[in-house]
Amino acid sequence: MKIINRIAYFLDDFVTFFMIYLGYIGTLIMIIFYLPHNKVVSETNITIIFFATIGVCLIPFFIYLIADAIVIADLKKITRRVKYKATAYTKKILRTNDDGETYYLIKTENETKIVKASALLINKKDKFADSEHRAGTADIEYIEVELVKNLPQYKREKFNDKKMGSFEGRNEYKNQLNIVNYVSKEV
């Protein structure tokens, strides 16, 4: 199982998958064009080979999806969510040369956390004030996604890739800042 897990982490890297896939497709295309050129097969067999090639080309995508599912299941096992009661947060832009990276400074009860904006999912919600919460106040909760200790480097790198990457549409690996603003019931 350890070997399958390691192979899944290797295949889940999209660049590696794309390079393997291009080599695979290139070999199949070469075979498709080589056979008719040497008049080894008839036109009916060329059509059969063409559709078989298209069908076989989907196999690497299924392998990628299976590897991705294995990695996601493994990351769910090795991550945990830690909740903090935050008192305040500010958005800061760190200037290096001409580029600016945005960070959030989140002040919790014990310390101030510095979180990259691309690794943070902000959820804002408005609620009506009640007897417990006055209008104009806010409850801030910071949820940090942490890895368990003593993990191999390749798992840490994959976790950071999933955390920073937004192209996959996965937010379960991002830290969350939940902000509830209490507003007056009267307009």
C-alpha atoms as a PDB file:
ATOM      1  CA  MET A   1       0.000   0.000   0.000  1.00  0.00           C
ATOM      2  CA  LYS A   2       2.912   2.332   0.716  1.00  0.00           C
ATOM      3  CA  ILE A   3       4.219   1.879  -2.844  1.00  0.00           C
ATOM      4  CA  ILE A   4       0.769   2.538  -4.350  1.00  0.00           C
ATOM      5  CA  ASN A   5       0.470   5.664  -2.215  1.00  0.00           C
ATOM      6  CA  ARG A   6       3.859   6.940  -3.406  1.00  0.00           C
ATOM      7  CA  ILE A   7       2.989   6.219  -7.059  1.00  0.00           C
ATOM      8  CA  ALA A   8      -0.338   8.032  -6.602  1.00  0.00           C
ATOM      9  CA  TYR A   9       1.480  11.121  -5.280  1.00  0.00           C
ATOM     10  CA  PHE A  10       3.812  10.968  -8.289  1.00  0.00           C
ATOM     11  CA  LEU A  11       0.958  10.636 -10.793  1.00  0.00           C
ATOM     12  CA  ASP A  12      -1.181  13.303  -9.103  1.00  0.00           C
ATOM     13  CA  ASP A  13       1.292  15.972 -10.160  1.00  0.00           C
ATOM     14  CA  PHE A  14      -0.401  17.424 -13.245  1.00  0.00           C
ATOM     15  CA  VAL A  15       2.850  18.370 -15.012  1.00  0.00           C
ATOM     16  CA  THR A  16       4.191  14.827 -14.645  1.00  0.00           C
ATOM     17  CA  PHE A  17       0.866  13.424 -15.781  1.00  0.00           C
ATOM     18  CA  PHE A  18       0.790  15.749 -18.798  1.00  0.00           C
ATOM     19  CA  MET A  19       4.318  14.760 -19.867  1.00  0.00           C
ATOM     20  CA  ILE A  20       3.483  11.044 -19.577  1.00  0.00           C
ATOM     21  CA  TYR A  21       0.217  11.602 -21.409  1.00  0.00           C
ATOM     22  CA  LEU A  22       1.882  13.498 -24.278  1.00  0.00           C
ATOM     23  CA  GLY A  23       4.431  10.700 -24.696  1.00  0.00           C
ATOM     24  CA  TYR A  24       1.634   8.161 -24.693  1.00  0.00           C
ATOM     25  CA  ILE A  25      -0.434  10.080 -27.265  1.00  0.00           C
ATOM     26  CA  GLY A  26       2.630  10.704 -29.438  1.00  0.00           C
ATOM     27  CA  THR A  27       3.417   6.993 -29.553  1.00  0.00           C
ATOM     28  CA  LEU A  28      -0.167   6.115 -30.448  1.00  0.00           C
ATOM     29  CA  ILE A  29      -0.322   8.747 -33.192  1.00  0.00           C
ATOM     30  CA  MET A  30       2.956   7.499 -34.599  1.00  0.00           C
ATOM     31  CA  ILE A  31       1.550   3.954 -34.742  1.00  0.00           C
ATOM     32  CA  ILE A  32      -1.673   5.174 -36.377  1.00  0.00           C
ATOM     33  CA  PHE A  33       0.189   6.993 -39.138  1.00  0.00           C
ATOM     34  CA  TYR A  34       2.853   4.330 -39.585  1.00  0.00           C
ATOM     35  CA  LEU A  35       0.459   1.440 -40.255  1.00  0.00           C
ATOM     36  CA  PRO A  36      -1.520   3.016 -43.152  1.00  0.00           C
ATOM     37  CA  HIS A  37       1.666   4.423 -44.660  1.00  0.00           C
ATOM     38  CA  ASN A  38       3.094   0.929 -45.052  1.00  0.00           C
ATOM     39  CA  LYS A  39      -0.243  -0.408 -46.335  1.00  0.00           C
ATOM     40  CA  VAL A  40      -0.269  -3.053 -43.624  1.00  0.00           C
ATOM     41  CA  VAL A  41      -3.925  -2.589 -42.792  1.00  0.00           C
ATOM     42  CA  SER A  42      -7.090  -1.887 -44.737  1.00  0.00           C
ATOM     43  CA  GLU A  43      -9.272   1.182 -44.369  1.00  0.00           C
ATOM     44  CA  THR A  44     -11.738  -0.632 -42.094  1.00  0.00           C
ATOM     45  CA  ASN A  45      -8.929  -1.615 -39.758  1.00  0.00           C
ATOM     46  CA  ILE A  46      -7.690   1.986 -39.713  1.00  0.00           C
ATOM     47  CA  THR A  47     -11.115   3.106 -38.460  1.00  0.00           C
ATOM     48  CA  ILE A  48     -11.093   0.418 -35.780  1.00  0.00           C
ATOM     49  CA  ILE A  49      -7.550   1.392 -34.716  1.00  0.00           C
ATOM     50  CA  PHE A  50      -8.580   5.067 -34.616  1.00  0.00           C
ATOM     51  CA  PHE A  51     -11.537   4.472 -32.278  1.00  0.00           C
ATOM     52  CA  ALA A  52      -9.534   2.021 -30.172  1.00  0.00           C
ATOM     53  CA  THR A  53      -6.813   4.670 -29.835  1.00  0.00           C
ATOM     54  CA  ILE A  54      -9.328   7.262 -28.692  1.00  0.00           C
ATOM     55  CA  GLY A  55     -10.675   4.786 -26.142  1.00  0.00           C
ATOM     56  CA  VAL A  56      -7.194   3.896 -24.926  1.00  0.00           C
ATOM     57  CA  CYS A  57      -6.291   7.587 -24.650  1.00  0.00           C
ATOM     58  CA  LEU A  58      -8.885   7.939 -21.899  1.00  0.00           C
ATOM     59  CA  ILE A  59      -7.072   5.371 -19.718  1.00  0.00           C
ATOM     60  CA  PRO A  60      -4.396   7.869 -18.510  1.00  0.00           C
ATOM     61  CA  PHE A  61      -7.158  10.290 -17.483  1.00  0.00           C
ATOM     62  CA  PHE A  62      -8.799   7.566 -15.419  1.00  0.00           C
ATOM     63  CA  ILE A  63      -5.420   6.748 -13.875  1.00  0.00           C
ATOM     64  CA  TYR A  64      -4.972  10.444 -13.006  1.00  0.00           C
ATOM     65  CA  LEU A  65      -8.435  10.610 -11.427  1.00  0.00           C
ATOM     66  CA  ILE A  66      -7.761   7.467  -9.374  1.00  0.00           C
ATOM     67  CA  ALA A  67      -4.390   8.834  -8.228  1.00  0.00           C
ATOM     68  CA  ASP A  68      -6.040  12.145  -7.324  1.00  0.00           C
ATOM     69  CA  ALA A  69      -8.710  10.339  -5.283  1.00  0.00           C
ATOM     70  CA  ILE A  70      -6.019   8.367  -3.411  1.00  0.00           C
ATOM     71  CA  VAL A  71      -4.096  11.565  -2.615  1.00  0.00           C
ATOM     72  CA  ILE A  72      -7.231  13.397  -1.451  1.00  0.00           C
ATOM     73  CA  ALA A  73      -8.200  10.491   0.825  1.00  0.00           C
ATOM     74  CA  ASP A  74      -4.666  10.401   2.238  1.00  0.00           C
ATOM     75  CA  LEU A  75      -4.582  14.173   2.807  1.00  0.00           C
ATOM     76  CA  LYS A  76      -7.895  13.999   4.652  1.00  0.00           C
ATOM     77  CA  LYS A  77      -6.366  11.448   7.026  1.00  0.00           C
ATOM     78  CA  ILE A  78      -3.205  13.470   7.717  1.00  0.00           C
ATOM     79  CA  THR A  79      -4.775  16.916   8.195  1.00  0.00           C
ATOM     80  CA  ARG A  80      -6.622  18.356  11.138  1.00  0.00           C
ATOM     81  CA  ARG A  81      -8.465  21.608  11.707  1.00  0.00           C
ATOM     82  CA  VAL A  82      -7.592  23.823  14.650  1.00  0.00           C
ATOM     83  CA  LYS A  83     -10.057  26.575  15.615  1.00  0.00           C
ATOM     84  CA  TYR A  84      -8.946  29.850  17.160  1.00  0.00           C
ATOM     85  CA  LYS A  85     -11.021  32.719  18.504  1.00  0.00           C
ATOM     86  CA  ALA A  86      -9.683  35.781  16.720  1.00  0.00           C
ATOM     87  CA  THR A  87      -9.973  39.298  18.035  1.00  0.00           C
ATOM     88  CA  ALA A  88      -8.928  41.266  14.943  1.00  0.00           C
ATOM     89  CA  TYR A  89      -7.467  40.929  11.470  1.00  0.00           C
ATOM     90  CA  THR A  90      -5.751  43.283   9.048  1.00  0.00           C
ATOM     91  CA  LYS A  91      -4.771  42.996   5.435  1.00  0.00           C
ATOM     92  CA  LYS A  92      -1.162  43.891   4.625  1.00  0.00           C
ATOM     93  CA  ILE A  93       0.675  44.058   1.316  1.00  0.00           C
ATOM     94  CA  LEU A  94       4.340  43.152   1.478  1.00  0.00           C
ATOM     95  CA  ARG A  95       6.246  44.983  -1.241  1.00  0.00           C
ATOM     96  CA  THR A  96       9.253  43.270  -2.789  1.00  0.00           C
ATOM     97  CA  ASN A  97      10.523  45.029  -5.903  1.00  0.00           C
ATOM     98  CA  ASP A  98       7.430  45.822  -7.991  1.00  0.00           C
ATOM     99  CA  ASP A  99       5.351  42.833  -6.942  1.00  0.00           C
ATOM    100  CA  GLY A 100       3.218  42.864  -3.846  1.00  0.00           C
ATOM    101  CA  GLU A 101       2.138  39.828  -1.903  1.00  0.00           C
ATOM    102  CA  THR A 102      -0.939  40.140   0.243  1.00  0.00           C
ATOM    103  CA  TYR A 103      -0.937  38.740   3.766  1.00  0.00           C
ATOM    104  CA  TYR A 104      -3.461  38.744   6.568  1.00  0.00           C
ATOM    105  CA  LEU A 105      -2.392  39.403  10.138  1.00  0.00           C
ATOM    106  CA  ILE A 106      -4.853  37.545  12.348  1.00  0.00           C
ATOM    107  CA  LYS A 107      -4.677  38.334  16.022  1.00  0.00           C
ATOM    108  CA  THR A 108      -5.798  35.381  18.125  1.00  0.00           C
ATOM    109  CA  GLU A 109      -5.979  35.123  21.903  1.00  0.00           C
ATOM    110  CA  ASN A 110      -2.369  33.927  22.246  1.00  0.00           C
ATOM    111  CA  GLU A 111      -0.495  35.114  19.164  1.00  0.00           C
ATOM    112  CA  THR A 112      -0.641  36.881  15.836  1.00  0.00           C
ATOM    113  CA  LYS A 113      -0.787  34.590  12.816  1.00  0.00           C
ATOM    114  CA  ILE A 114       0.582  35.686   9.453  1.00  0.00           C
ATOM    115  CA  VAL A 115      -1.282  33.995   6.599  1.00  0.00           C
ATOM    116  CA  LYS A 116      -0.771  34.374   2.859  1.00  0.00           C
ATOM    117  CA  ALA A 117      -3.951  35.645   1.197  1.00  0.00           C
ATOM    118  CA  SER A 118      -3.916  32.905  -1.421  1.00  0.00           C
ATOM    119  CA  ALA A 119      -3.990  30.284   1.356  1.00  0.00           C
ATOM    120  CA  LEU A 120      -6.925  31.881   3.163  1.00  0.00           C
ATOM    121  CA  LEU A 121     -10.627  31.526   2.476  1.00  0.00           C
ATOM    122  CA  ILE A 122     -12.654  34.397   3.922  1.00  0.00           C
ATOM    123  CA  ASN A 123     -16.307  33.778   4.785  1.00  0.00           C
ATOM    124  CA  LYS A 124     -18.291  36.903   5.694  1.00  0.00           C
ATOM    125  CA  LYS A 125     -21.828  36.709   6.991  1.00  0.00           C
ATOM    126  CA  ASP A 126     -24.261  39.273   8.366  1.00  0.00           C
ATOM    127  CA  LYS A 127     -26.648  38.389  11.186  1.00  0.00           C
ATOM    128  CA  PHE A 128     -29.225  40.400  13.042  1.00  0.00           C
ATOM    129  CA  ALA A 129     -28.196  41.582  16.484  1.00  0.00           C
ATOM    130  CA  ASP A 130     -29.800  39.900  19.456  1.00  0.00           C
ATOM    131  CA  SER A 131     -29.604  40.081  23.240  1.00  0.00           C
ATOM    132  CA  GLU A 132     -26.248  38.289  23.217  1.00  0.00           C
ATOM    133  CA  HIS A 133     -24.589  40.321  20.434  1.00  0.00           C
ATOM    134  CA  ARG A 134     -24.838  44.082  19.971  1.00  0.00           C
ATOM    135  CA  ALA A 135     -25.240  45.701  16.565  1.00  0.00           C
ATOM    136  CA  GLY A 136     -21.907  46.756  15.073  1.00  0.00           C
ATOM    137  CA  THR A 137     -19.898  43.951  16.679  1.00  0.00           C
ATOM    138  CA  ALA A 138     -18.314  40.988  14.961  1.00  0.00           C
ATOM    139  CA  ASP A 139     -17.322  37.445  15.860  1.00  0.00           C
ATOM    140  CA  ILE A 140     -14.145  36.290  14.158  1.00  0.00           C
ATOM    141  CA  GLU A 141     -13.066  32.655  14.037  1.00  0.00           C
ATOM    142  CA  TYR A 142      -9.848  31.461  12.434  1.00  0.00           C
ATOM    143  CA  ILE A 143      -9.632  27.814  11.359  1.00  0.00           C
ATOM    144  CA  GLU A 144      -6.145  26.592  10.515  1.00  0.00           C
ATOM    145  CA  VAL A 145      -5.558  23.396   8.563  1.00  0.00           C
ATOM    146  CA  GLU A 146      -2.475  21.621   9.906  1.00  0.00           C
ATOM    147  CA  LEU A 147      -0.580  18.521   8.922  1.00  0.00           C
ATOM    148  CA  VAL A 148       0.340  15.869  11.421  1.00  0.00           C
ATOM    149  CA  LYS A 149       3.997  15.785  12.402  1.00  0.00           C
ATOM    150  CA  ASN A 150       6.747  13.597  10.871  1.00  0.00           C
ATOM    151  CA  LEU A 151       5.458  13.443   7.305  1.00  0.00           C
ATOM    152  CA  PRO A 152       7.626  12.826   4.254  1.00  0.00           C
ATOM    153  CA  GLN A 153       8.606  15.890   2.248  1.00  0.00           C
ATOM    154  CA  TYR A 154       6.631  14.853  -0.848  1.00  0.00           C
ATOM    155  CA  LYS A 155       3.394  14.792   1.175  1.00  0.00           C
ATOM    156  CA  ARG A 156       4.108  18.242   2.618  1.00  0.00           C
ATOM    157  CA  GLU A 157       4.785  19.610  -0.876  1.00  0.00           C
ATOM    158  CA  LYS A 158       1.577  18.088  -2.242  1.00  0.00           C
ATOM    159  CA  PHE A 159      -0.388  19.562   0.675  1.00  0.00           C
ATOM    160  CA  ASN A 160       1.071  23.021  -0.011  1.00  0.00           C
ATOM    161  CA  ASP A 161       0.283  22.667  -3.719  1.00  0.00           C
ATOM    162  CA  LYS A 162      -3.329  21.801  -2.937  1.00  0.00           C
ATOM    163  CA  LYS A 163      -3.512  24.600  -0.374  1.00  0.00           C
ATOM    164  CA  MET A 164      -2.203  27.300  -2.689  1.00  0.00           C
ATOM    165  CA  GLY A 165      -3.770  26.036  -5.915  1.00  0.00           C
ATOM    166  CA  SER A 166      -7.153  27.416  -6.787  1.00  0.00           C
ATOM    167  CA  PHE A 167      -7.494  25.892 -10.247  1.00  0.00           C
ATOM    168  CA  GLU A 168      -8.911  22.676  -8.826  1.00  0.00           C
ATOM    169  CA  GLY A 169     -11.637  24.466  -6.923  1.00  0.00           C
ATOM    170  CA  ARG A 170     -10.782  22.743  -3.662  1.00  0.00           C
ATOM    171  CA  ASN A 171     -10.992  24.853  -0.560  1.00  0.00           C
ATOM    172  CA  GLU A 172     -10.865  22.147   2.101  1.00  0.00           C
ATOM    173  CA  TYR A 173      -7.087  22.592   2.469  1.00  0.00           C
ATOM    174  CA  LYS A 174      -7.196  26.361   2.862  1.00  0.00           C
ATOM    175  CA  ASN A 175      -7.247  28.134   6.183  1.00  0.00           C
ATOM    176  CA  GLN A 176     -10.553  29.875   6.893  1.00  0.00           C
ATOM    177  CA  LEU A 177     -11.416  33.202   8.416  1.00  0.00           C
ATOM    178  CA  ASN A 178     -15.100  33.234   9.384  1.00  0.00           C
ATOM    179  CA  ILE A 179     -16.442  36.714  10.119  1.00  0.00           C
ATOM    180  CA  VAL A 180     -19.961  37.245  11.464  1.00  0.00           C
ATOM    181  CA  ASN A 181     -21.018  40.897  11.499  1.00  0.00           C
ATOM    182  CA  TYR A 182     -24.016  41.712  13.682  1.00  0.00           C
ATOM    183  CA  VAL A 183     -26.290  44.365  12.193  1.00  0.00           C
ATOM    184  CA  SER A 184     -29.301  46.204  13.485  1.00  0.00           C
ATOM    185  CA  LYS A 185     -32.770  44.857  12.727  1.00  0.00           C
ATOM    186  CA  GLU A 186     -33.899  48.360  11.826  1.00  0.00           C
ATOM    187  CA  VAL A 187     -33.026  49.957   8.521  1.00  0.00           C
END
